[in-house]
Amino acid sequence: MSDTGQGDGKGGRGKRATLIAWLLFLTGVALIVLYYFMTVPGSSPKVVTEAPGVGDGPQIMLTISGEANGEVVIELFDELAPKHVERIVTLVREGAYDGVVFHRVIDGFMAQTGDVEFGKAGGDLSLAGTGGSAYPDLPAEFSNEPFVAGTVGMARSASPDSANSQFFIMFDKAPHLDGEYTVVGRVISGMDVVNAIKRGTGGNGRIIGDPDVITSARVLN
């Protein structure tokens, strides 16, 4: 009787071990499937590049006038977002950003500029923020680089692959943008000038009156 009882106990423990093993296996399969559907193309956020922002990238200088007056030097992350950096450098060399206004500035958030089509000072700015350049829109180059004060990001519409010429400079951190907008560079000098840019008092940060202007932009290296 005792031998039979011991045999039943061992059999029960074996069945429980088998059941636990199957449950662990099925849990692992479920996690793999979940991971796949969370990372397939079209999921959000779409992180394309894992590398952090690195030094020694191209540098551009923006000379700004208006309520803010001075020079801002931006280091571009050519290893992080090569297509976007190439676009900005091309437009700077062409003089496309000269005379372009900061059309949307939200205190505590960011200052947006770069509309080379509709954002020129002295003209009709009613469409500023809706235009781009003569070049096609760019595919997203999202990364894990965070949006903090001084980060330069590319503006876009609802489509992730719609950045063109417009960019924005952060006043503060904005983690909700991380992995959703392309980080293209960072301010390495002149952050005091950035912080002085005229804030927008209209809807969605639109500037009322005369906006601050990029009087000139040039490539330093």
N, C-alpha and C. Protein backbone atom coordinates (compact mmCIF):
# COMPACT_ATOMS: atom_id res chain seq x y z
N MET A 1 0.83 -1.20 0.00
CA MET A 1 0.00 0.00 0.00
C MET A 1 0.87 1.26 0.00
N SER A 2 1.90 1.23 0.86
CA SER A 2 2.75 2.41 0.93
C SER A 2 3.50 2.61 -0.38
N ASP A 3 3.94 1.49 -1.01
CA ASP A 3 4.63 1.62 -2.29
C ASP A 3 3.73 2.23 -3.35
N THR A 4 2.46 1.75 -3.36
CA THR A 4 1.51 2.28 -4.34
C THR A 4 1.27 3.77 -4.11
N GLY A 5 1.17 4.17 -2.84
CA GLY A 5 0.96 5.59 -2.54
C GLY A 5 2.12 6.43 -3.01
N GLN A 6 3.34 5.94 -2.80
CA GLN A 6 4.52 6.68 -3.26
C GLN A 6 4.53 6.81 -4.78
N GLY A 7 4.10 5.73 -5.47
CA GLY A 7 4.06 5.79 -6.94
C GLY A 7 3.07 6.82 -7.42
N ASP A 8 1.89 6.90 -6.79
CA ASP A 8 0.89 7.91 -7.18
C ASP A 8 1.42 9.32 -6.97
N GLY A 9 2.16 9.54 -5.89
CA GLY A 9 2.69 10.89 -5.61
C GLY A 9 3.69 11.31 -6.66
N LYS A 10 4.55 10.35 -7.02
CA LYS A 10 5.55 10.69 -8.04
C LYS A 10 4.90 10.99 -9.38
N GLY A 11 3.86 10.20 -9.72
CA GLY A 11 3.17 10.44 -10.99
C GLY A 11 2.49 11.79 -11.01
N GLY A 12 1.90 12.18 -9.85
CA GLY A 12 1.23 13.48 -9.79
C GLY A 12 2.21 14.62 -9.94
N ARG A 13 3.39 14.47 -9.27
CA ARG A 13 4.40 15.52 -9.38
C ARG A 13 4.92 15.63 -10.82
N GLY A 14 5.05 14.48 -11.50
CA GLY A 14 5.51 14.49 -12.89
C GLY A 14 4.54 15.20 -13.81
N LYS A 15 3.25 14.96 -13.59
CA LYS A 15 2.24 15.62 -14.42
C LYS A 15 2.25 17.14 -14.20
N ARG A 16 2.40 17.53 -12.92
CA ARG A 16 2.43 18.96 -12.62
C ARG A 16 3.65 19.62 -13.27
N ALA A 17 4.79 18.93 -13.21
CA ALA A 17 6.00 19.49 -13.83
C ALA A 17 5.84 19.64 -15.34
N THR A 18 5.20 18.64 -15.95
CA THR A 18 4.96 18.71 -17.40
C THR A 18 4.02 19.87 -17.73
N LEU A 19 2.99 20.03 -16.92
CA LEU A 19 2.03 21.12 -17.14
C LEU A 19 2.71 22.48 -17.01
N ILE A 20 3.55 22.62 -15.98
CA ILE A 20 4.27 23.89 -15.78
C ILE A 20 5.19 24.17 -16.96
N ALA A 21 5.87 23.12 -17.44
CA ALA A 21 6.78 23.30 -18.59
C ALA A 21 6.02 23.77 -19.82
N TRP A 22 4.85 23.18 -20.05
CA TRP A 22 4.04 23.60 -21.20
C TRP A 22 3.56 25.04 -21.04
N LEU A 23 3.16 25.41 -19.82
CA LEU A 23 2.70 26.78 -19.59
C LEU A 23 3.83 27.77 -19.84
N LEU A 24 5.05 27.45 -19.40
CA LEU A 24 6.19 28.33 -19.63
C LEU A 24 6.49 28.44 -21.12
N PHE A 25 6.40 27.31 -21.83
CA PHE A 25 6.65 27.32 -23.27
C PHE A 25 5.63 28.19 -23.99
N LEU A 26 4.35 28.02 -23.65
CA LEU A 26 3.30 28.80 -24.32
C LEU A 26 3.42 30.27 -23.98
N THR A 27 3.82 30.61 -22.75
CA THR A 27 4.03 32.01 -22.37
C THR A 27 5.14 32.61 -23.21
N GLY A 28 6.22 31.84 -23.40
CA GLY A 28 7.32 32.33 -24.22
C GLY A 28 6.90 32.58 -25.65
N VAL A 29 6.12 31.67 -26.21
CA VAL A 29 5.61 31.84 -27.58
C VAL A 29 4.76 33.10 -27.67
N ALA A 30 3.89 33.30 -26.67
CA ALA A 30 3.01 34.48 -26.68
C ALA A 30 3.82 35.77 -26.63
N LEU A 31 4.89 35.77 -25.82
CA LEU A 31 5.73 36.97 -25.74
C LEU A 31 6.44 37.25 -27.05
N ILE A 32 6.90 36.20 -27.72
CA ILE A 32 7.56 36.38 -29.02
C ILE A 32 6.60 36.94 -30.05
N VAL A 33 5.38 36.41 -30.07
CA VAL A 33 4.36 36.91 -31.01
C VAL A 33 4.03 38.36 -30.71
N LEU A 34 3.88 38.69 -29.41
CA LEU A 34 3.58 40.07 -29.03
C LEU A 34 4.69 41.00 -29.45
N TYR A 35 5.94 40.59 -29.23
CA TYR A 35 7.08 41.42 -29.62
C TYR A 35 7.09 41.66 -31.12
N TYR A 36 6.80 40.63 -31.90
CA TYR A 36 6.79 40.76 -33.36
C TYR A 36 5.77 41.80 -33.80
N PHE A 37 4.55 41.71 -33.28
CA PHE A 37 3.52 42.64 -33.71
C PHE A 37 3.75 44.06 -33.20
N MET A 38 4.53 44.19 -32.15
CA MET A 38 4.85 45.53 -31.65
C MET A 38 5.98 46.18 -32.42
N THR A 39 6.75 45.40 -33.19
CA THR A 39 7.93 45.96 -33.86
C THR A 39 7.89 45.86 -35.36
N VAL A 40 6.84 45.30 -35.95
CA VAL A 40 6.76 45.24 -37.40
C VAL A 40 6.60 46.63 -37.96
N PRO A 41 6.95 46.86 -39.25
CA PRO A 41 6.80 48.17 -39.86
C PRO A 41 5.38 48.70 -39.70
N GLY A 42 5.31 49.99 -39.35
CA GLY A 42 4.01 50.61 -39.15
C GLY A 42 3.64 50.73 -37.70
N SER A 43 4.40 50.04 -36.80
CA SER A 43 4.12 50.17 -35.38
C SER A 43 4.71 51.48 -34.88
N SER A 44 4.39 51.85 -33.66
CA SER A 44 4.85 53.13 -33.13
C SER A 44 5.32 52.92 -31.70
N PRO A 45 6.48 53.49 -31.30
CA PRO A 45 7.36 54.28 -32.16
C PRO A 45 8.21 53.40 -33.08
N LYS A 46 8.61 53.95 -34.21
CA LYS A 46 9.43 53.22 -35.17
C LYS A 46 10.87 53.67 -34.99
N VAL A 47 11.64 52.96 -34.20
CA VAL A 47 13.02 53.33 -33.96
C VAL A 47 13.89 52.71 -35.04
N VAL A 48 14.50 53.55 -35.85
CA VAL A 48 15.31 53.09 -36.97
C VAL A 48 16.77 52.97 -36.57
N THR A 49 17.26 53.92 -35.81
CA THR A 49 18.67 53.98 -35.46
C THR A 49 18.83 53.98 -33.95
N GLU A 50 19.64 53.06 -33.45
CA GLU A 50 19.83 52.94 -32.01
C GLU A 50 20.99 53.80 -31.51
N ALA A 51 21.90 54.22 -32.41
CA ALA A 51 23.10 54.93 -31.98
C ALA A 51 22.75 56.28 -31.35
N PRO A 52 23.46 56.66 -30.30
CA PRO A 52 23.21 57.98 -29.70
C PRO A 52 23.80 59.07 -30.56
N GLY A 53 23.44 60.29 -30.26
CA GLY A 53 24.04 61.42 -30.96
C GLY A 53 25.54 61.44 -30.73
N VAL A 54 26.29 61.65 -31.75
CA VAL A 54 27.75 61.61 -31.64
C VAL A 54 28.33 62.97 -31.99
N GLY A 55 29.56 63.20 -31.56
CA GLY A 55 30.21 64.47 -31.83
C GLY A 55 30.85 64.52 -33.19
N ASP A 56 31.44 65.67 -33.50
CA ASP A 56 32.21 65.86 -34.73
C ASP A 56 31.36 65.85 -35.99
N GLY A 57 30.07 66.11 -35.87
CA GLY A 57 29.22 66.23 -37.05
C GLY A 57 29.34 67.62 -37.66
N PRO A 58 28.73 67.83 -38.82
CA PRO A 58 28.74 69.17 -39.43
C PRO A 58 28.12 70.19 -38.48
N GLN A 59 28.60 71.41 -38.55
CA GLN A 59 28.06 72.49 -37.71
C GLN A 59 27.53 73.61 -38.60
N ILE A 60 26.40 74.15 -38.21
CA ILE A 60 25.85 75.31 -38.89
C ILE A 60 25.66 76.43 -37.89
N MET A 61 25.75 77.65 -38.38
CA MET A 61 25.52 78.83 -37.53
C MET A 61 24.31 79.58 -38.04
N LEU A 62 23.36 79.84 -37.14
CA LEU A 62 22.20 80.67 -37.44
C LEU A 62 22.39 82.03 -36.79
N THR A 63 22.29 83.08 -37.58
CA THR A 63 22.28 84.44 -37.03
C THR A 63 20.83 84.87 -36.94
N ILE A 64 20.39 85.18 -35.73
CA ILE A 64 18.98 85.45 -35.47
C ILE A 64 18.80 86.90 -35.04
N SER A 65 17.74 87.52 -35.53
CA SER A 65 17.43 88.90 -35.13
C SER A 65 15.95 89.01 -34.79
N GLY A 66 15.65 90.01 -33.97
CA GLY A 66 14.29 90.23 -33.49
C GLY A 66 14.33 90.46 -32.00
N GLU A 67 13.46 89.83 -31.24
CA GLU A 67 13.58 89.88 -29.79
C GLU A 67 14.85 89.15 -29.35
N ALA A 68 15.20 88.11 -30.08
CA ALA A 68 16.48 87.43 -29.88
C ALA A 68 17.48 87.98 -30.88
N ASN A 69 18.69 88.24 -30.42
CA ASN A 69 19.72 88.76 -31.32
C ASN A 69 21.04 88.06 -31.00
N GLY A 70 21.57 87.35 -31.98
CA GLY A 70 22.83 86.68 -31.76
C GLY A 70 22.99 85.47 -32.65
N GLU A 71 24.00 84.68 -32.32
CA GLU A 71 24.35 83.52 -33.15
C GLU A 71 24.12 82.23 -32.38
N VAL A 72 23.60 81.25 -33.10
CA VAL A 72 23.35 79.92 -32.53
C VAL A 72 24.11 78.91 -33.38
N VAL A 73 24.94 78.10 -32.73
CA VAL A 73 25.68 77.07 -33.45
C VAL A 73 25.04 75.72 -33.15
N ILE A 74 24.75 74.98 -34.21
CA ILE A 74 24.10 73.67 -34.09
C ILE A 74 25.02 72.61 -34.66
N GLU A 75 25.26 71.57 -33.87
CA GLU A 75 25.98 70.40 -34.36
C GLU A 75 24.95 69.42 -34.91
N LEU A 76 25.16 68.96 -36.12
CA LEU A 76 24.24 68.03 -36.76
C LEU A 76 24.73 66.59 -36.61
N PHE A 77 23.80 65.67 -36.38
CA PHE A 77 24.14 64.26 -36.16
C PHE A 77 24.07 63.50 -37.47
N ASP A 78 25.16 63.57 -38.24
CA ASP A 78 25.15 62.94 -39.56
C ASP A 78 25.16 61.41 -39.49
N GLU A 79 25.59 60.84 -38.37
CA GLU A 79 25.54 59.39 -38.23
C GLU A 79 24.19 58.93 -37.70
N LEU A 80 23.46 59.83 -37.09
CA LEU A 80 22.16 59.49 -36.53
C LEU A 80 21.04 59.66 -37.55
N ALA A 81 21.11 60.73 -38.33
CA ALA A 81 20.06 61.03 -39.31
C ALA A 81 20.71 61.58 -40.58
N PRO A 82 21.42 60.74 -41.33
CA PRO A 82 22.21 61.23 -42.46
C PRO A 82 21.41 61.92 -43.56
N LYS A 83 20.23 61.42 -43.88
CA LYS A 83 19.43 62.03 -44.95
C LYS A 83 18.94 63.42 -44.54
N HIS A 84 18.52 63.56 -43.29
CA HIS A 84 18.03 64.85 -42.82
C HIS A 84 19.16 65.86 -42.69
N VAL A 85 20.32 65.39 -42.22
CA VAL A 85 21.47 66.29 -42.12
C VAL A 85 21.89 66.76 -43.51
N GLU A 86 21.93 65.86 -44.46
CA GLU A 86 22.28 66.24 -45.83
C GLU A 86 21.32 67.30 -46.36
N ARG A 87 20.03 67.15 -46.06
CA ARG A 87 19.04 68.13 -46.52
C ARG A 87 19.28 69.50 -45.91
N ILE A 88 19.50 69.54 -44.61
CA ILE A 88 19.71 70.83 -43.96
C ILE A 88 20.98 71.50 -44.47
N VAL A 89 22.06 70.74 -44.59
CA VAL A 89 23.31 71.32 -45.08
C VAL A 89 23.14 71.83 -46.51
N THR A 90 22.43 71.09 -47.33
CA THR A 90 22.18 71.53 -48.71
C THR A 90 21.42 72.85 -48.73
N LEU A 91 20.36 72.94 -47.94
CA LEU A 91 19.55 74.16 -47.91
C LEU A 91 20.33 75.34 -47.34
N VAL A 92 21.16 75.09 -46.33
CA VAL A 92 22.00 76.16 -45.78
C VAL A 92 22.95 76.67 -46.85
N ARG A 93 23.61 75.77 -47.56
CA ARG A 93 24.57 76.17 -48.59
C ARG A 93 23.88 76.95 -49.70
N GLU A 94 22.62 76.63 -49.98
CA GLU A 94 21.88 77.34 -51.02
C GLU A 94 21.34 78.69 -50.54
N GLY A 95 21.47 78.98 -49.25
CA GLY A 95 20.93 80.23 -48.70
C GLY A 95 19.43 80.18 -48.50
N ALA A 96 18.86 78.99 -48.52
CA ALA A 96 17.39 78.86 -48.44
C ALA A 96 16.83 79.30 -47.11
N TYR A 97 17.61 79.16 -46.04
CA TYR A 97 17.11 79.53 -44.71
C TYR A 97 17.28 81.02 -44.40
N ASP A 98 18.03 81.73 -45.22
CA ASP A 98 18.23 83.16 -44.98
C ASP A 98 16.90 83.91 -45.11
N GLY A 99 16.54 84.64 -44.06
CA GLY A 99 15.29 85.40 -44.07
C GLY A 99 14.07 84.61 -43.65
N VAL A 100 14.25 83.39 -43.21
CA VAL A 100 13.11 82.57 -42.79
C VAL A 100 12.79 82.85 -41.32
N VAL A 101 11.52 82.96 -40.99
CA VAL A 101 11.09 83.34 -39.64
C VAL A 101 10.87 82.12 -38.75
N PHE A 102 10.82 82.39 -37.45
CA PHE A 102 10.33 81.42 -36.47
C PHE A 102 8.82 81.64 -36.38
N HIS A 103 8.07 80.80 -37.08
CA HIS A 103 6.63 81.03 -37.23
C HIS A 103 5.78 80.46 -36.10
N ARG A 104 6.34 79.53 -35.34
CA ARG A 104 5.59 78.87 -34.26
C ARG A 104 6.51 78.67 -33.08
N VAL A 105 6.20 79.34 -31.98
CA VAL A 105 7.07 79.29 -30.80
C VAL A 105 6.20 79.13 -29.56
N ILE A 106 6.38 78.02 -28.85
CA ILE A 106 5.57 77.71 -27.67
C ILE A 106 6.47 77.72 -26.44
N ASP A 107 6.16 78.62 -25.52
CA ASP A 107 6.97 78.76 -24.31
C ASP A 107 7.02 77.45 -23.54
N GLY A 108 8.21 77.07 -23.12
CA GLY A 108 8.39 75.83 -22.38
C GLY A 108 8.44 74.60 -23.25
N PHE A 109 8.33 74.78 -24.56
CA PHE A 109 8.31 73.64 -25.47
C PHE A 109 9.37 73.79 -26.56
N MET A 110 9.07 74.56 -27.63
CA MET A 110 10.03 74.65 -28.73
C MET A 110 9.76 75.86 -29.61
N ALA A 111 10.78 76.16 -30.47
CA ALA A 111 10.69 77.22 -31.47
C ALA A 111 10.86 76.58 -32.84
N GLN A 112 9.88 76.77 -33.72
CA GLN A 112 9.89 76.12 -35.03
C GLN A 112 10.15 77.13 -36.15
N THR A 113 10.94 76.70 -37.12
CA THR A 113 11.31 77.53 -38.26
C THR A 113 11.59 76.63 -39.46
N GLY A 114 12.15 77.22 -40.53
CA GLY A 114 12.62 76.41 -41.64
C GLY A 114 11.67 76.26 -42.81
N ASP A 115 10.53 76.98 -42.79
CA ASP A 115 9.63 76.91 -43.94
C ASP A 115 10.18 77.81 -45.04
N VAL A 116 11.01 77.22 -45.92
CA VAL A 116 11.68 78.02 -46.94
C VAL A 116 10.74 78.40 -48.07
N GLU A 117 9.54 77.83 -48.09
CA GLU A 117 8.56 78.13 -49.13
C GLU A 117 7.65 79.29 -48.75
N PHE A 118 7.08 79.24 -47.55
CA PHE A 118 6.10 80.24 -47.13
C PHE A 118 6.53 81.05 -45.91
N GLY A 119 7.75 80.84 -45.43
CA GLY A 119 8.15 81.46 -44.17
C GLY A 119 9.15 82.59 -44.28
N LYS A 120 9.23 83.25 -45.43
CA LYS A 120 10.18 84.35 -45.60
C LYS A 120 9.66 85.64 -44.98
N ALA A 121 10.51 86.32 -44.23
CA ALA A 121 10.14 87.59 -43.60
C ALA A 121 9.79 88.62 -44.67
N GLY A 122 8.83 89.45 -44.34
CA GLY A 122 8.42 90.51 -45.25
C GLY A 122 7.34 90.12 -46.22
N GLY A 123 7.01 88.85 -46.28
CA GLY A 123 5.96 88.39 -47.18
C GLY A 123 4.70 88.01 -46.43
N ASP A 124 3.77 87.40 -47.11
CA ASP A 124 2.55 86.91 -46.50
C ASP A 124 2.87 85.63 -45.73
N LEU A 125 2.75 85.71 -44.41
CA LEU A 125 3.11 84.57 -43.56
C LEU A 125 1.90 83.75 -43.15
N SER A 126 0.78 83.96 -43.79
CA SER A 126 -0.43 83.24 -43.40
C SER A 126 -0.30 81.73 -43.61
N LEU A 127 0.57 81.32 -44.54
CA LEU A 127 0.77 79.90 -44.81
C LEU A 127 2.05 79.36 -44.19
N ALA A 128 2.75 80.20 -43.43
CA ALA A 128 4.00 79.76 -42.82
C ALA A 128 3.75 78.53 -41.96
N GLY A 129 4.58 77.53 -42.16
CA GLY A 129 4.43 76.28 -41.43
C GLY A 129 3.82 75.17 -42.26
N THR A 130 3.32 75.52 -43.44
CA THR A 130 2.69 74.50 -44.30
C THR A 130 3.56 74.12 -45.49
N GLY A 131 4.68 74.82 -45.66
CA GLY A 131 5.50 74.59 -46.85
C GLY A 131 6.77 73.81 -46.56
N GLY A 132 7.52 73.59 -47.63
CA GLY A 132 8.79 72.89 -47.53
C GLY A 132 9.74 73.43 -48.58
N SER A 133 10.60 72.57 -49.10
CA SER A 133 11.56 72.97 -50.11
C SER A 133 11.15 72.35 -51.45
N ALA A 134 11.99 72.57 -52.45
CA ALA A 134 11.73 71.97 -53.76
C ALA A 134 12.12 70.49 -53.80
N TYR A 135 12.73 70.01 -52.73
CA TYR A 135 13.15 68.62 -52.66
C TYR A 135 12.03 67.74 -52.07
N PRO A 136 12.07 66.44 -52.35
CA PRO A 136 11.02 65.56 -51.84
C PRO A 136 11.10 65.37 -50.32
N ASP A 137 10.00 64.96 -49.73
CA ASP A 137 9.97 64.66 -48.30
C ASP A 137 10.93 63.51 -47.99
N LEU A 138 11.32 63.44 -46.72
CA LEU A 138 12.34 62.49 -46.30
C LEU A 138 11.75 61.32 -45.51
N PRO A 139 12.31 60.13 -45.68
CA PRO A 139 11.89 58.99 -44.84
C PRO A 139 12.38 59.21 -43.41
N ALA A 140 11.58 58.79 -42.46
CA ALA A 140 11.91 59.00 -41.06
C ALA A 140 13.23 58.34 -40.69
N GLU A 141 13.98 59.00 -39.82
CA GLU A 141 15.20 58.44 -39.24
C GLU A 141 15.09 58.58 -37.72
N PHE A 142 14.07 57.96 -37.16
CA PHE A 142 13.82 58.05 -35.73
C PHE A 142 14.94 57.34 -34.96
N SER A 143 15.13 57.73 -33.71
CA SER A 143 16.20 57.16 -32.91
C SER A 143 15.82 57.19 -31.44
N ASN A 144 16.74 56.72 -30.62
CA ASN A 144 16.54 56.76 -29.17
C ASN A 144 17.10 58.04 -28.54
N GLU A 145 17.63 58.94 -29.35
CA GLU A 145 18.14 60.21 -28.83
C GLU A 145 16.98 61.01 -28.25
N PRO A 146 17.06 61.43 -26.99
CA PRO A 146 15.91 62.10 -26.36
C PRO A 146 15.76 63.57 -26.76
N PHE A 147 14.55 64.04 -26.66
CA PHE A 147 14.26 65.45 -26.87
C PHE A 147 14.39 66.18 -25.53
N VAL A 148 15.45 66.99 -25.43
CA VAL A 148 15.72 67.78 -24.23
C VAL A 148 16.04 69.20 -24.68
N ALA A 149 16.29 70.08 -23.71
CA ALA A 149 16.62 71.47 -24.06
C ALA A 149 17.83 71.49 -25.00
N GLY A 150 17.68 72.20 -26.12
CA GLY A 150 18.76 72.30 -27.09
C GLY A 150 18.71 71.29 -28.21
N THR A 151 17.89 70.26 -28.07
CA THR A 151 17.75 69.28 -29.15
C THR A 151 17.10 69.94 -30.36
N VAL A 152 17.59 69.59 -31.55
CA VAL A 152 17.00 70.07 -32.80
C VAL A 152 16.31 68.89 -33.47
N GLY A 153 15.02 69.04 -33.74
CA GLY A 153 14.24 67.98 -34.37
C GLY A 153 13.64 68.46 -35.67
N MET A 154 13.25 67.51 -36.51
CA MET A 154 12.63 67.82 -37.79
C MET A 154 11.11 67.84 -37.64
N ALA A 155 10.50 68.91 -38.11
CA ALA A 155 9.04 69.01 -38.08
C ALA A 155 8.45 68.15 -39.18
N ARG A 156 7.25 67.64 -38.95
CA ARG A 156 6.57 66.81 -39.94
C ARG A 156 5.07 66.91 -39.74
N SER A 157 4.32 66.37 -40.71
CA SER A 157 2.87 66.29 -40.58
C SER A 157 2.52 64.96 -39.92
N ALA A 158 1.30 64.50 -40.08
CA ALA A 158 0.88 63.24 -39.45
C ALA A 158 1.67 62.05 -40.00
N SER A 159 2.10 62.13 -41.24
CA SER A 159 2.88 61.04 -41.83
C SER A 159 4.30 61.05 -41.27
N PRO A 160 4.81 59.92 -40.79
CA PRO A 160 6.18 59.89 -40.27
C PRO A 160 7.23 60.26 -41.31
N ASP A 161 6.92 60.05 -42.58
CA ASP A 161 7.89 60.29 -43.66
C ASP A 161 7.62 61.59 -44.39
N SER A 162 7.30 62.65 -43.64
CA SER A 162 6.92 63.91 -44.29
C SER A 162 7.82 65.09 -43.92
N ALA A 163 8.92 64.83 -43.19
CA ALA A 163 9.84 65.93 -42.89
C ALA A 163 10.49 66.42 -44.18
N ASN A 164 10.76 67.73 -44.24
CA ASN A 164 11.33 68.28 -45.47
C ASN A 164 12.40 69.32 -45.16
N SER A 165 11.98 70.52 -44.77
CA SER A 165 12.95 71.58 -44.49
C SER A 165 12.78 72.19 -43.11
N GLN A 166 11.60 72.04 -42.53
CA GLN A 166 11.32 72.69 -41.25
C GLN A 166 11.94 71.92 -40.08
N PHE A 167 12.41 72.69 -39.10
CA PHE A 167 12.97 72.09 -37.90
C PHE A 167 12.58 72.92 -36.68
N PHE A 168 12.80 72.35 -35.51
CA PHE A 168 12.47 73.06 -34.27
C PHE A 168 13.58 72.83 -33.26
N ILE A 169 13.72 73.81 -32.35
CA ILE A 169 14.72 73.76 -31.29
C ILE A 169 13.99 73.72 -29.96
N MET A 170 14.35 72.77 -29.12
CA MET A 170 13.65 72.57 -27.86
C MET A 170 14.07 73.58 -26.80
N PHE A 171 13.10 74.07 -26.04
CA PHE A 171 13.36 74.88 -24.85
C PHE A 171 13.53 73.99 -23.62
N ASP A 172 12.91 72.84 -23.65
CA ASP A 172 12.90 71.94 -22.50
C ASP A 172 12.73 70.50 -22.99
N LYS A 173 12.76 69.57 -22.09
CA LYS A 173 12.57 68.16 -22.47
C LYS A 173 11.13 67.90 -22.85
N ALA A 174 10.93 66.95 -23.75
CA ALA A 174 9.59 66.56 -24.21
C ALA A 174 9.62 65.08 -24.54
N PRO A 175 9.54 64.22 -23.53
CA PRO A 175 9.67 62.78 -23.76
C PRO A 175 8.60 62.19 -24.68
N HIS A 176 7.46 62.89 -24.82
CA HIS A 176 6.42 62.35 -25.71
C HIS A 176 6.84 62.41 -27.18
N LEU A 177 7.91 63.16 -27.49
CA LEU A 177 8.42 63.21 -28.86
C LEU A 177 9.46 62.13 -29.14
N ASP A 178 9.99 61.53 -28.10
CA ASP A 178 11.07 60.56 -28.26
C ASP A 178 10.63 59.39 -29.14
N GLY A 179 11.44 59.09 -30.15
CA GLY A 179 11.14 57.99 -31.04
C GLY A 179 10.03 58.26 -32.03
N GLU A 180 9.49 59.47 -32.03
CA GLU A 180 8.38 59.82 -32.92
C GLU A 180 8.75 60.90 -33.93
N TYR A 181 9.80 61.64 -33.65
CA TYR A 181 10.30 62.69 -34.55
C TYR A 181 11.80 62.49 -34.70
N THR A 182 12.32 62.87 -35.86
CA THR A 182 13.74 62.69 -36.14
C THR A 182 14.57 63.73 -35.42
N VAL A 183 15.50 63.28 -34.59
CA VAL A 183 16.47 64.17 -33.96
C VAL A 183 17.60 64.39 -34.96
N VAL A 184 17.88 65.65 -35.26
CA VAL A 184 18.87 65.95 -36.30
C VAL A 184 20.12 66.63 -35.76
N GLY A 185 20.06 67.13 -34.53
CA GLY A 185 21.23 67.81 -33.97
C GLY A 185 20.96 68.39 -32.61
N ARG A 186 21.89 69.25 -32.18
CA ARG A 186 21.75 69.90 -30.87
C ARG A 186 22.47 71.24 -30.89
N VAL A 187 22.00 72.15 -30.08
CA VAL A 187 22.65 73.45 -29.93
C VAL A 187 23.90 73.27 -29.09
N ILE A 188 25.04 73.73 -29.59
CA ILE A 188 26.28 73.63 -28.82
C ILE A 188 26.76 74.99 -28.34
N SER A 189 26.19 76.08 -28.87
CA SER A 189 26.43 77.41 -28.31
C SER A 189 25.29 78.34 -28.75
N GLY A 190 25.02 79.32 -27.91
CA GLY A 190 23.96 80.28 -28.22
C GLY A 190 22.59 79.88 -27.70
N MET A 191 22.55 79.01 -26.69
CA MET A 191 21.25 78.62 -26.15
C MET A 191 20.54 79.81 -25.51
N ASP A 192 21.31 80.78 -25.04
CA ASP A 192 20.70 81.99 -24.49
C ASP A 192 19.94 82.75 -25.57
N VAL A 193 20.45 82.71 -26.79
CA VAL A 193 19.75 83.35 -27.91
C VAL A 193 18.46 82.60 -28.22
N VAL A 194 18.54 81.27 -28.23
CA VAL A 194 17.34 80.45 -28.46
C VAL A 194 16.27 80.77 -27.43
N ASN A 195 16.67 80.85 -26.17
CA ASN A 195 15.69 81.10 -25.10
C ASN A 195 15.05 82.47 -25.19
N ALA A 196 15.67 83.38 -25.94
CA ALA A 196 15.12 84.73 -26.08
C ALA A 196 14.20 84.89 -27.29
N ILE A 197 14.05 83.86 -28.10
CA ILE A 197 13.21 83.96 -29.30
C ILE A 197 11.78 84.33 -28.92
N LYS A 198 11.19 85.20 -29.69
CA LYS A 198 9.84 85.70 -29.42
C LYS A 198 8.82 84.56 -29.37
N ARG A 199 8.04 84.53 -28.29
CA ARG A 199 7.02 83.50 -28.13
C ARG A 199 5.77 83.85 -28.91
N GLY A 200 5.08 82.80 -29.33
CA GLY A 200 3.82 83.00 -30.02
C GLY A 200 2.67 83.13 -29.03
N THR A 201 1.76 84.03 -29.32
CA THR A 201 0.59 84.22 -28.46
C THR A 201 -0.70 83.85 -29.18
N GLY A 202 -0.57 83.44 -30.43
CA GLY A 202 -1.73 83.00 -31.19
C GLY A 202 -1.97 81.51 -30.99
N GLY A 203 -2.96 81.00 -31.70
CA GLY A 203 -3.29 79.59 -31.59
C GLY A 203 -2.13 78.69 -31.96
N ASN A 204 -1.88 77.67 -31.15
CA ASN A 204 -0.83 76.69 -31.40
C ASN A 204 0.55 77.34 -31.51
N GLY A 205 0.76 78.45 -30.80
CA GLY A 205 2.06 79.10 -30.76
C GLY A 205 2.36 80.01 -31.92
N ARG A 206 1.34 80.35 -32.73
CA ARG A 206 1.58 81.22 -33.87
C ARG A 206 1.97 82.62 -33.40
N ILE A 207 2.94 83.21 -34.11
CA ILE A 207 3.45 84.53 -33.76
C ILE A 207 2.46 85.62 -34.18
N ILE A 208 2.20 86.54 -33.27
CA ILE A 208 1.39 87.72 -33.58
C ILE A 208 2.34 88.89 -33.73
N GLY A 209 2.24 89.60 -34.83
CA GLY A 209 3.17 90.70 -35.09
C GLY A 209 4.39 90.21 -35.82
N ASP A 210 5.52 90.87 -35.59
CA ASP A 210 6.75 90.53 -36.30
C ASP A 210 7.47 89.37 -35.62
N PRO A 211 7.71 88.29 -36.35
CA PRO A 211 8.43 87.16 -35.77
C PRO A 211 9.94 87.37 -35.80
N ASP A 212 10.66 86.62 -35.01
CA ASP A 212 12.11 86.62 -35.10
C ASP A 212 12.53 85.91 -36.39
N VAL A 213 13.72 86.26 -36.88
CA VAL A 213 14.14 85.83 -38.21
C VAL A 213 15.55 85.24 -38.18
N ILE A 214 15.76 84.20 -39.00
CA ILE A 214 17.12 83.74 -39.30
C ILE A 214 17.64 84.66 -40.40
N THR A 215 18.43 85.64 -40.02
CA THR A 215 18.92 86.57 -41.05
C THR A 215 19.93 85.90 -41.98
N SER A 216 20.68 84.94 -41.43
CA SER A 216 21.59 84.18 -42.28
C SER A 216 21.92 82.85 -41.62
N ALA A 217 22.23 81.88 -42.46
CA ALA A 217 22.65 80.55 -41.99
C ALA A 217 23.84 80.13 -42.83
N ARG A 218 24.84 79.56 -42.18
CA ARG A 218 26.01 79.11 -42.93
C ARG A 218 26.61 77.88 -42.30
N VAL A 219 27.30 77.11 -43.12
CA VAL A 219 27.98 75.89 -42.67
C VAL A 219 29.36 76.26 -42.16
N LEU A 220 29.71 75.78 -40.97
CA LEU A 220 31.00 76.12 -40.38
C LEU A 220 32.08 75.11 -40.72
N ASN A 221 31.70 73.85 -40.93
CA ASN A 221 32.72 72.83 -41.24
C ASN A 221 32.15 71.75 -42.14
